[in-house]
Amino acid sequence: MNMTDVPQYVPQEVCLACQGCCRFTRKDSEWQPQVTAVDRDRPGGLKASDVDFKGRVKTESCGKKFKCRFINEKNNHCGIYPARPLDCRLYPFLVVAGKEVCVHLACPFVQETYDTQGFEEYVAELKKFLTKDAGVETRNALKELKHDYQDNRDELVHLFDL
């Protein structure tokens, strides 16, 4: 299996109705998706000009805030959805410092489903995928994700170690 096989947790219609992801309060935000070597090599994916000097997807000004350069403000669609980075594919689940998986409690769908059997089943499926089923390419890409989210750890819940 490769990283395009990451199972999706949040239903598409819920994601498209939400205005939370892909938007940032700062131009240089720790929430910007990191770009792995695999992300850069994927057809239809990111070009060098799409990535900042820290190896993250560049942002654009959007009023007093910033947004991912690929998000369409009118319909909330991602311009590179089939080739989006692994960080984006996993969200609202996050790889912290390349070694642990957490969930971001700011996601409205997570808030609604966190204490459900469906959430627990998904976490078990994700753990199996990331630790056993994912190919070498995906496991190597996970190690490249170096976010530490130190300023926002109170928004995260640790789920499992990689």
N, C-alpha and C. Protein backbone atom coordinates (compact mmCIF):
# COMPACT_ATOMS: atom_id res chain seq x y z
N MET A 1 0.85 -1.19 0.00
CA MET A 1 0.00 0.00 0.00
C MET A 1 0.88 1.25 0.00
N ASN A 2 0.38 2.32 -0.59
CA ASN A 2 1.12 3.57 -0.57
C ASN A 2 0.28 4.65 0.11
N MET A 3 0.82 5.86 0.16
CA MET A 3 0.13 6.88 0.93
C MET A 3 -1.16 7.38 0.28
N THR A 4 -1.39 7.09 -0.96
CA THR A 4 -2.68 7.46 -1.54
C THR A 4 -3.78 6.57 -0.96
N ASP A 5 -3.39 5.49 -0.27
CA ASP A 5 -4.36 4.58 0.33
C ASP A 5 -4.73 4.95 1.77
N VAL A 6 -4.23 6.08 2.28
CA VAL A 6 -4.57 6.49 3.65
C VAL A 6 -6.08 6.59 3.75
N PRO A 7 -6.68 5.85 4.67
CA PRO A 7 -8.14 5.90 4.80
C PRO A 7 -8.61 7.27 5.29
N GLN A 8 -9.64 7.83 4.66
CA GLN A 8 -10.19 9.15 5.00
C GLN A 8 -11.14 9.01 6.17
N TYR A 9 -11.02 9.88 7.16
CA TYR A 9 -11.91 9.85 8.32
C TYR A 9 -13.09 10.80 8.18
N VAL A 10 -12.82 12.03 7.87
CA VAL A 10 -13.89 13.04 7.79
C VAL A 10 -14.57 12.92 6.43
N PRO A 11 -15.89 12.76 6.41
CA PRO A 11 -16.60 12.66 5.12
C PRO A 11 -16.39 13.91 4.27
N GLN A 12 -16.29 13.72 2.97
CA GLN A 12 -16.02 14.82 2.05
C GLN A 12 -16.99 15.98 2.22
N GLU A 13 -18.27 15.69 2.35
CA GLU A 13 -19.25 16.79 2.46
C GLU A 13 -19.06 17.61 3.73
N VAL A 14 -18.56 16.98 4.78
CA VAL A 14 -18.28 17.70 6.03
C VAL A 14 -17.06 18.60 5.83
N CYS A 15 -16.02 18.07 5.21
CA CYS A 15 -14.82 18.87 4.93
C CYS A 15 -15.14 20.08 4.06
N LEU A 16 -15.91 19.87 3.01
CA LEU A 16 -16.20 20.97 2.08
C LEU A 16 -17.08 22.05 2.71
N ALA A 17 -17.83 21.70 3.74
CA ALA A 17 -18.68 22.68 4.41
C ALA A 17 -17.92 23.46 5.49
N CYS A 18 -16.78 22.96 5.90
CA CYS A 18 -15.99 23.56 6.98
C CYS A 18 -15.04 24.61 6.41
N GLN A 19 -14.81 25.66 7.14
CA GLN A 19 -13.86 26.69 6.72
C GLN A 19 -12.64 26.73 7.63
N GLY A 20 -12.32 25.62 8.29
CA GLY A 20 -11.24 25.61 9.27
C GLY A 20 -9.89 25.24 8.70
N CYS A 21 -9.82 24.16 7.97
CA CYS A 21 -8.53 23.69 7.46
C CYS A 21 -7.99 24.63 6.41
N CYS A 22 -6.69 24.55 6.21
CA CYS A 22 -6.03 25.24 5.11
C CYS A 22 -6.00 26.76 5.28
N ARG A 23 -6.34 27.23 6.46
CA ARG A 23 -6.35 28.67 6.77
C ARG A 23 -5.54 28.89 8.04
N PHE A 24 -4.79 29.99 8.05
CA PHE A 24 -3.83 30.21 9.13
C PHE A 24 -3.88 31.65 9.61
N THR A 25 -3.57 31.86 10.87
CA THR A 25 -3.54 33.22 11.41
C THR A 25 -2.24 33.93 11.09
N ARG A 26 -1.18 33.17 10.78
CA ARG A 26 0.13 33.75 10.46
C ARG A 26 0.63 33.21 9.12
N LYS A 27 1.41 34.02 8.44
CA LYS A 27 2.01 33.58 7.17
C LYS A 27 2.93 32.40 7.40
N ASP A 28 3.63 32.40 8.51
CA ASP A 28 4.57 31.34 8.86
C ASP A 28 3.97 30.55 10.03
N SER A 29 3.07 29.62 9.72
CA SER A 29 2.33 28.89 10.75
C SER A 29 2.82 27.45 10.86
N GLU A 30 2.88 26.94 12.08
CA GLU A 30 3.28 25.54 12.25
C GLU A 30 2.23 24.58 11.69
N TRP A 31 1.05 25.08 11.36
CA TRP A 31 -0.02 24.23 10.81
C TRP A 31 0.11 24.04 9.30
N GLN A 32 0.98 24.80 8.63
CA GLN A 32 1.18 24.60 7.20
C GLN A 32 1.64 23.16 6.96
N PRO A 33 1.05 22.48 5.99
CA PRO A 33 1.46 21.09 5.72
C PRO A 33 2.91 21.01 5.28
N GLN A 34 3.62 20.04 5.84
CA GLN A 34 4.98 19.77 5.42
C GLN A 34 4.93 18.95 4.14
N VAL A 35 5.97 19.11 3.34
CA VAL A 35 6.06 18.43 2.05
C VAL A 35 7.20 17.42 2.13
N THR A 36 6.87 16.16 1.89
CA THR A 36 7.88 15.10 1.91
C THR A 36 8.46 14.90 0.51
N ALA A 37 9.52 14.13 0.44
CA ALA A 37 10.12 13.81 -0.86
C ALA A 37 9.11 13.13 -1.78
N VAL A 38 8.29 12.27 -1.22
CA VAL A 38 7.27 11.57 -2.02
C VAL A 38 6.25 12.57 -2.55
N ASP A 39 5.87 13.54 -1.72
CA ASP A 39 4.91 14.56 -2.16
C ASP A 39 5.46 15.33 -3.36
N ARG A 40 6.74 15.63 -3.32
CA ARG A 40 7.37 16.41 -4.41
C ARG A 40 7.48 15.60 -5.69
N ASP A 41 7.56 14.29 -5.57
CA ASP A 41 7.74 13.43 -6.75
C ASP A 41 6.42 12.97 -7.38
N ARG A 42 5.30 13.21 -6.71
CA ARG A 42 4.02 12.71 -7.20
C ARG A 42 3.56 13.51 -8.44
N PRO A 43 3.13 12.84 -9.52
CA PRO A 43 2.63 13.54 -10.70
C PRO A 43 1.45 14.45 -10.34
N GLY A 44 1.48 15.66 -10.87
CA GLY A 44 0.40 16.61 -10.62
C GLY A 44 0.49 17.26 -9.26
N GLY A 45 1.56 17.01 -8.56
CA GLY A 45 1.72 17.52 -7.20
C GLY A 45 2.42 18.85 -7.15
N LEU A 46 3.20 19.01 -6.11
CA LEU A 46 3.83 20.27 -5.80
C LEU A 46 5.11 20.50 -6.61
N LYS A 47 5.30 21.75 -7.00
CA LYS A 47 6.54 22.17 -7.65
C LYS A 47 7.39 22.85 -6.58
N ALA A 48 8.66 23.02 -6.85
CA ALA A 48 9.56 23.68 -5.90
C ALA A 48 9.03 25.07 -5.52
N SER A 49 8.40 25.76 -6.46
CA SER A 49 7.89 27.11 -6.19
C SER A 49 6.67 27.11 -5.25
N ASP A 50 6.10 25.94 -4.98
CA ASP A 50 4.95 25.83 -4.08
C ASP A 50 5.37 25.60 -2.63
N VAL A 51 6.66 25.41 -2.40
CA VAL A 51 7.16 25.02 -1.09
C VAL A 51 8.05 26.12 -0.53
N ASP A 52 7.83 26.46 0.75
CA ASP A 52 8.64 27.52 1.37
C ASP A 52 10.00 26.98 1.82
N PHE A 53 10.83 27.86 2.38
CA PHE A 53 12.19 27.47 2.76
C PHE A 53 12.22 26.48 3.92
N LYS A 54 11.10 26.30 4.62
CA LYS A 54 11.02 25.32 5.71
C LYS A 54 10.44 23.98 5.23
N GLY A 55 10.17 23.87 3.94
CA GLY A 55 9.65 22.63 3.38
C GLY A 55 8.16 22.46 3.58
N ARG A 56 7.43 23.58 3.66
CA ARG A 56 5.98 23.53 3.85
C ARG A 56 5.28 24.19 2.67
N VAL A 57 4.02 23.83 2.48
CA VAL A 57 3.23 24.45 1.41
C VAL A 57 3.13 25.95 1.69
N LYS A 58 3.40 26.75 0.66
CA LYS A 58 3.34 28.21 0.81
C LYS A 58 1.90 28.67 1.05
N THR A 59 1.80 29.82 1.71
CA THR A 59 0.50 30.43 1.96
C THR A 59 0.36 31.70 1.13
N GLU A 60 -0.89 32.18 1.07
CA GLU A 60 -1.20 33.44 0.40
C GLU A 60 -2.04 34.27 1.35
N SER A 61 -1.94 35.57 1.21
CA SER A 61 -2.75 36.48 2.03
C SER A 61 -4.22 36.32 1.66
N CYS A 62 -5.06 36.36 2.68
CA CYS A 62 -6.51 36.23 2.48
C CYS A 62 -7.18 37.11 3.54
N GLY A 63 -7.36 38.39 3.19
CA GLY A 63 -7.86 39.33 4.19
C GLY A 63 -6.79 39.54 5.24
N LYS A 64 -7.15 39.40 6.50
CA LYS A 64 -6.19 39.57 7.59
C LYS A 64 -5.53 38.25 7.98
N LYS A 65 -5.87 37.19 7.25
CA LYS A 65 -5.30 35.87 7.55
C LYS A 65 -4.57 35.36 6.31
N PHE A 66 -4.21 34.08 6.36
CA PHE A 66 -3.51 33.44 5.26
C PHE A 66 -4.17 32.11 4.96
N LYS A 67 -3.99 31.63 3.74
CA LYS A 67 -4.58 30.36 3.33
C LYS A 67 -3.57 29.59 2.51
N CYS A 68 -3.76 28.29 2.44
CA CYS A 68 -2.96 27.46 1.56
C CYS A 68 -3.16 27.98 0.14
N ARG A 69 -2.11 28.02 -0.60
CA ARG A 69 -2.21 28.57 -1.96
C ARG A 69 -3.11 27.73 -2.87
N PHE A 70 -3.46 26.51 -2.47
CA PHE A 70 -4.25 25.64 -3.32
C PHE A 70 -5.73 25.59 -2.97
N ILE A 71 -6.14 26.22 -1.87
CA ILE A 71 -7.55 26.15 -1.47
C ILE A 71 -8.34 27.21 -2.25
N ASN A 72 -9.46 26.81 -2.81
CA ASN A 72 -10.35 27.73 -3.52
C ASN A 72 -11.33 28.28 -2.50
N GLU A 73 -11.26 29.56 -2.24
CA GLU A 73 -12.11 30.19 -1.21
C GLU A 73 -13.61 30.10 -1.53
N LYS A 74 -13.96 30.04 -2.81
CA LYS A 74 -15.38 30.03 -3.19
C LYS A 74 -16.05 28.69 -2.92
N ASN A 75 -15.36 27.58 -3.18
CA ASN A 75 -16.01 26.28 -3.03
C ASN A 75 -15.29 25.35 -2.04
N ASN A 76 -14.20 25.83 -1.45
CA ASN A 76 -13.44 25.09 -0.44
C ASN A 76 -12.75 23.84 -1.01
N HIS A 77 -12.59 23.79 -2.33
CA HIS A 77 -11.92 22.65 -2.96
C HIS A 77 -10.42 22.88 -3.01
N CYS A 78 -9.69 21.78 -2.95
CA CYS A 78 -8.24 21.81 -3.05
C CYS A 78 -7.83 21.65 -4.52
N GLY A 79 -6.97 22.53 -4.99
CA GLY A 79 -6.54 22.50 -6.38
C GLY A 79 -5.61 21.35 -6.72
N ILE A 80 -5.06 20.68 -5.70
CA ILE A 80 -4.17 19.54 -5.95
C ILE A 80 -4.65 18.32 -5.16
N TYR A 81 -5.95 18.23 -4.94
CA TYR A 81 -6.49 17.19 -4.06
C TYR A 81 -5.95 15.78 -4.35
N PRO A 82 -5.94 15.31 -5.58
CA PRO A 82 -5.42 13.95 -5.81
C PRO A 82 -3.93 13.81 -5.48
N ALA A 83 -3.18 14.91 -5.51
CA ALA A 83 -1.74 14.86 -5.25
C ALA A 83 -1.38 15.64 -3.97
N ARG A 84 -2.34 15.85 -3.08
CA ARG A 84 -2.08 16.63 -1.87
C ARG A 84 -1.06 15.91 -0.98
N PRO A 85 -0.33 16.69 -0.17
CA PRO A 85 0.70 16.10 0.70
C PRO A 85 0.13 15.12 1.73
N LEU A 86 0.99 14.25 2.22
CA LEU A 86 0.61 13.28 3.24
C LEU A 86 0.03 13.97 4.47
N ASP A 87 0.62 15.09 4.89
CA ASP A 87 0.09 15.84 6.03
C ASP A 87 -1.40 16.15 5.82
N CYS A 88 -1.77 16.54 4.62
CA CYS A 88 -3.17 16.87 4.30
C CYS A 88 -4.03 15.60 4.28
N ARG A 89 -3.50 14.53 3.75
CA ARG A 89 -4.25 13.27 3.67
C ARG A 89 -4.61 12.74 5.05
N LEU A 90 -3.73 12.98 6.01
CA LEU A 90 -3.94 12.46 7.36
C LEU A 90 -4.88 13.32 8.20
N TYR A 91 -4.89 14.62 7.96
CA TYR A 91 -5.63 15.53 8.83
C TYR A 91 -7.10 15.10 8.97
N PRO A 92 -7.64 15.13 10.19
CA PRO A 92 -7.26 15.78 11.44
C PRO A 92 -6.32 14.97 12.32
N PHE A 93 -5.72 13.95 11.76
CA PHE A 93 -4.71 13.18 12.48
C PHE A 93 -3.36 13.73 12.07
N LEU A 94 -2.46 13.85 13.02
CA LEU A 94 -1.18 14.51 12.81
C LEU A 94 -0.04 13.62 13.24
N VAL A 95 1.03 13.64 12.47
CA VAL A 95 2.25 12.97 12.87
C VAL A 95 3.11 14.03 13.55
N VAL A 96 3.44 13.80 14.81
CA VAL A 96 4.20 14.76 15.60
C VAL A 96 5.64 14.28 15.70
N ALA A 97 6.55 15.14 15.24
CA ALA A 97 7.99 14.87 15.29
C ALA A 97 8.36 13.52 14.69
N GLY A 98 7.61 13.06 13.71
CA GLY A 98 7.92 11.82 13.01
C GLY A 98 7.77 10.56 13.83
N LYS A 99 7.18 10.66 15.03
CA LYS A 99 7.16 9.47 15.88
C LYS A 99 5.86 9.17 16.60
N GLU A 100 4.91 10.10 16.63
CA GLU A 100 3.64 9.81 17.30
C GLU A 100 2.48 10.35 16.47
N VAL A 101 1.33 9.72 16.62
CA VAL A 101 0.13 10.16 15.92
C VAL A 101 -0.83 10.71 16.95
N CYS A 102 -1.31 11.92 16.67
CA CYS A 102 -2.27 12.61 17.53
C CYS A 102 -3.48 12.99 16.69
N VAL A 103 -4.56 13.37 17.37
CA VAL A 103 -5.72 13.91 16.68
C VAL A 103 -5.87 15.37 17.10
N HIS A 104 -6.27 16.21 16.16
CA HIS A 104 -6.45 17.64 16.41
C HIS A 104 -7.90 17.88 16.83
N LEU A 105 -8.06 18.28 18.08
CA LEU A 105 -9.40 18.46 18.64
C LEU A 105 -10.14 19.66 18.07
N ALA A 106 -9.47 20.53 17.34
CA ALA A 106 -10.14 21.68 16.75
C ALA A 106 -11.05 21.31 15.59
N CYS A 107 -10.88 20.12 15.03
CA CYS A 107 -11.72 19.69 13.91
C CYS A 107 -13.14 19.45 14.42
N PRO A 108 -14.14 20.12 13.84
CA PRO A 108 -15.52 19.95 14.31
C PRO A 108 -16.01 18.50 14.22
N PHE A 109 -15.60 17.77 13.19
CA PHE A 109 -16.04 16.38 13.05
C PHE A 109 -15.46 15.52 14.16
N VAL A 110 -14.20 15.78 14.51
CA VAL A 110 -13.59 15.06 15.64
C VAL A 110 -14.34 15.39 16.92
N GLN A 111 -14.69 16.64 17.12
CA GLN A 111 -15.43 17.03 18.32
C GLN A 111 -16.75 16.27 18.43
N GLU A 112 -17.41 16.06 17.31
CA GLU A 112 -18.70 15.35 17.30
C GLU A 112 -18.55 13.84 17.47
N THR A 113 -17.43 13.28 17.06
CA THR A 113 -17.31 11.82 17.00
C THR A 113 -16.27 11.23 17.93
N TYR A 114 -15.54 12.06 18.66
CA TYR A 114 -14.39 11.60 19.44
C TYR A 114 -14.72 10.45 20.39
N ASP A 115 -15.85 10.48 21.03
CA ASP A 115 -16.22 9.44 22.01
C ASP A 115 -17.09 8.34 21.42
N THR A 116 -16.94 8.07 20.12
CA THR A 116 -17.78 7.06 19.49
C THR A 116 -16.98 5.81 19.12
N GLN A 117 -17.70 4.75 18.92
CA GLN A 117 -17.07 3.51 18.47
C GLN A 117 -16.47 3.69 17.08
N GLY A 118 -17.13 4.49 16.24
CA GLY A 118 -16.61 4.74 14.90
C GLY A 118 -15.23 5.39 14.93
N PHE A 119 -15.04 6.32 15.86
CA PHE A 119 -13.73 6.97 16.02
C PHE A 119 -12.68 5.94 16.42
N GLU A 120 -13.02 5.12 17.42
CA GLU A 120 -12.08 4.10 17.91
C GLU A 120 -11.72 3.10 16.80
N GLU A 121 -12.71 2.74 16.00
CA GLU A 121 -12.47 1.80 14.90
C GLU A 121 -11.55 2.43 13.85
N TYR A 122 -11.78 3.72 13.57
CA TYR A 122 -10.93 4.39 12.59
C TYR A 122 -9.49 4.47 13.10
N VAL A 123 -9.31 4.83 14.37
CA VAL A 123 -7.97 4.93 14.93
C VAL A 123 -7.26 3.58 14.82
N ALA A 124 -7.96 2.49 15.10
CA ALA A 124 -7.37 1.15 14.98
C ALA A 124 -6.99 0.88 13.52
N GLU A 125 -7.85 1.26 12.58
CA GLU A 125 -7.56 1.07 11.15
C GLU A 125 -6.35 1.92 10.73
N LEU A 126 -6.31 3.17 11.19
CA LEU A 126 -5.20 4.06 10.85
C LEU A 126 -3.89 3.53 11.44
N LYS A 127 -3.94 3.07 12.67
CA LYS A 127 -2.73 2.52 13.30
C LYS A 127 -2.22 1.31 12.51
N LYS A 128 -3.12 0.43 12.15
CA LYS A 128 -2.73 -0.75 11.37
C LYS A 128 -2.12 -0.32 10.04
N PHE A 129 -2.76 0.65 9.39
CA PHE A 129 -2.26 1.12 8.10
C PHE A 129 -0.87 1.72 8.24
N LEU A 130 -0.70 2.64 9.19
CA LEU A 130 0.56 3.37 9.31
C LEU A 130 1.71 2.52 9.86
N THR A 131 1.39 1.52 10.67
CA THR A 131 2.46 0.73 11.28
C THR A 131 2.70 -0.62 10.61
N LYS A 132 1.73 -1.10 9.83
CA LYS A 132 1.89 -2.43 9.22
C LYS A 132 1.65 -2.46 7.72
N ASP A 133 0.55 -1.85 7.27
CA ASP A 133 0.14 -2.00 5.88
C ASP A 133 0.79 -1.03 4.90
N ALA A 134 1.16 0.15 5.39
CA ALA A 134 1.73 1.16 4.50
C ALA A 134 3.05 0.67 3.93
N GLY A 135 3.30 1.06 2.72
CA GLY A 135 4.55 0.67 2.09
C GLY A 135 5.74 1.43 2.66
N VAL A 136 6.91 1.05 2.23
CA VAL A 136 8.15 1.67 2.69
C VAL A 136 8.13 3.17 2.36
N GLU A 137 7.62 3.51 1.19
CA GLU A 137 7.55 4.91 0.77
C GLU A 137 6.78 5.75 1.80
N THR A 138 5.63 5.27 2.23
CA THR A 138 4.83 6.01 3.20
C THR A 138 5.51 6.05 4.57
N ARG A 139 6.07 4.94 5.00
CA ARG A 139 6.75 4.92 6.31
C ARG A 139 7.93 5.89 6.33
N ASN A 140 8.65 5.98 5.23
CA ASN A 140 9.75 6.95 5.14
C ASN A 140 9.23 8.37 5.15
N ALA A 141 8.13 8.62 4.45
CA ALA A 141 7.54 9.95 4.43
C ALA A 141 7.07 10.37 5.83
N LEU A 142 6.51 9.44 6.60
CA LEU A 142 6.07 9.76 7.96
C LEU A 142 7.22 10.28 8.81
N LYS A 143 8.40 9.72 8.62
CA LYS A 143 9.58 10.14 9.39
C LYS A 143 10.02 11.56 9.04
N GLU A 144 9.64 12.02 7.84
CA GLU A 144 10.00 13.37 7.42
C GLU A 144 9.12 14.43 8.06
N LEU A 145 7.98 14.05 8.60
CA LEU A 145 7.05 15.03 9.19
C LEU A 145 7.58 15.43 10.55
N LYS A 146 8.13 16.63 10.63
CA LYS A 146 8.85 17.08 11.83
C LYS A 146 8.10 18.11 12.67
N HIS A 147 6.83 18.37 12.39
CA HIS A 147 6.08 19.31 13.22
C HIS A 147 6.20 18.88 14.68
N ASP A 148 6.31 19.84 15.58
CA ASP A 148 6.27 19.47 17.00
C ASP A 148 5.03 20.05 17.68
N TYR A 149 4.39 21.03 17.07
CA TYR A 149 3.15 21.63 17.59
C TYR A 149 3.27 22.04 19.06
N GLN A 150 4.47 22.41 19.51
CA GLN A 150 4.68 22.71 20.92
C GLN A 150 3.77 23.82 21.44
N ASP A 151 3.47 24.80 20.61
CA ASP A 151 2.60 25.90 21.06
C ASP A 151 1.13 25.51 21.08
N ASN A 152 0.81 24.33 20.57
CA ASN A 152 -0.60 23.92 20.45
C ASN A 152 -0.86 22.51 20.98
N ARG A 153 0.02 22.00 21.82
CA ARG A 153 -0.15 20.63 22.31
C ARG A 153 -1.47 20.44 23.06
N ASP A 154 -2.01 21.50 23.63
CA ASP A 154 -3.29 21.37 24.35
C ASP A 154 -4.45 21.09 23.40
N GLU A 155 -4.25 21.26 22.10
CA GLU A 155 -5.28 20.99 21.10
C GLU A 155 -5.18 19.56 20.55
N LEU A 156 -4.17 18.82 21.00
CA LEU A 156 -3.91 17.49 20.46
C LEU A 156 -4.10 16.42 21.52
N VAL A 157 -4.54 15.25 21.07
CA VAL A 157 -4.61 14.07 21.94
C VAL A 157 -3.74 12.99 21.31
N HIS A 158 -2.80 12.50 22.10
CA HIS A 158 -1.93 11.41 21.64
C HIS A 158 -2.76 10.14 21.45
N LEU A 159 -2.57 9.47 20.31
CA LEU A 159 -3.30 8.23 20.03
C LEU A 159 -2.39 7.01 20.06
N PHE A 160 -1.26 7.09 19.36
CA PHE A 160 -0.33 5.96 19.34
C PHE A 160 1.02 6.42 18.82
N ASP A 161 2.04 5.60 19.09
CA ASP A 161 3.39 5.86 18.59
C ASP A 161 3.61 5.08 17.30
N LEU A 162 4.44 5.63 16.45
CA LEU A 162 4.80 4.95 15.20
C LEU A 162 5.95 3.99 15.44
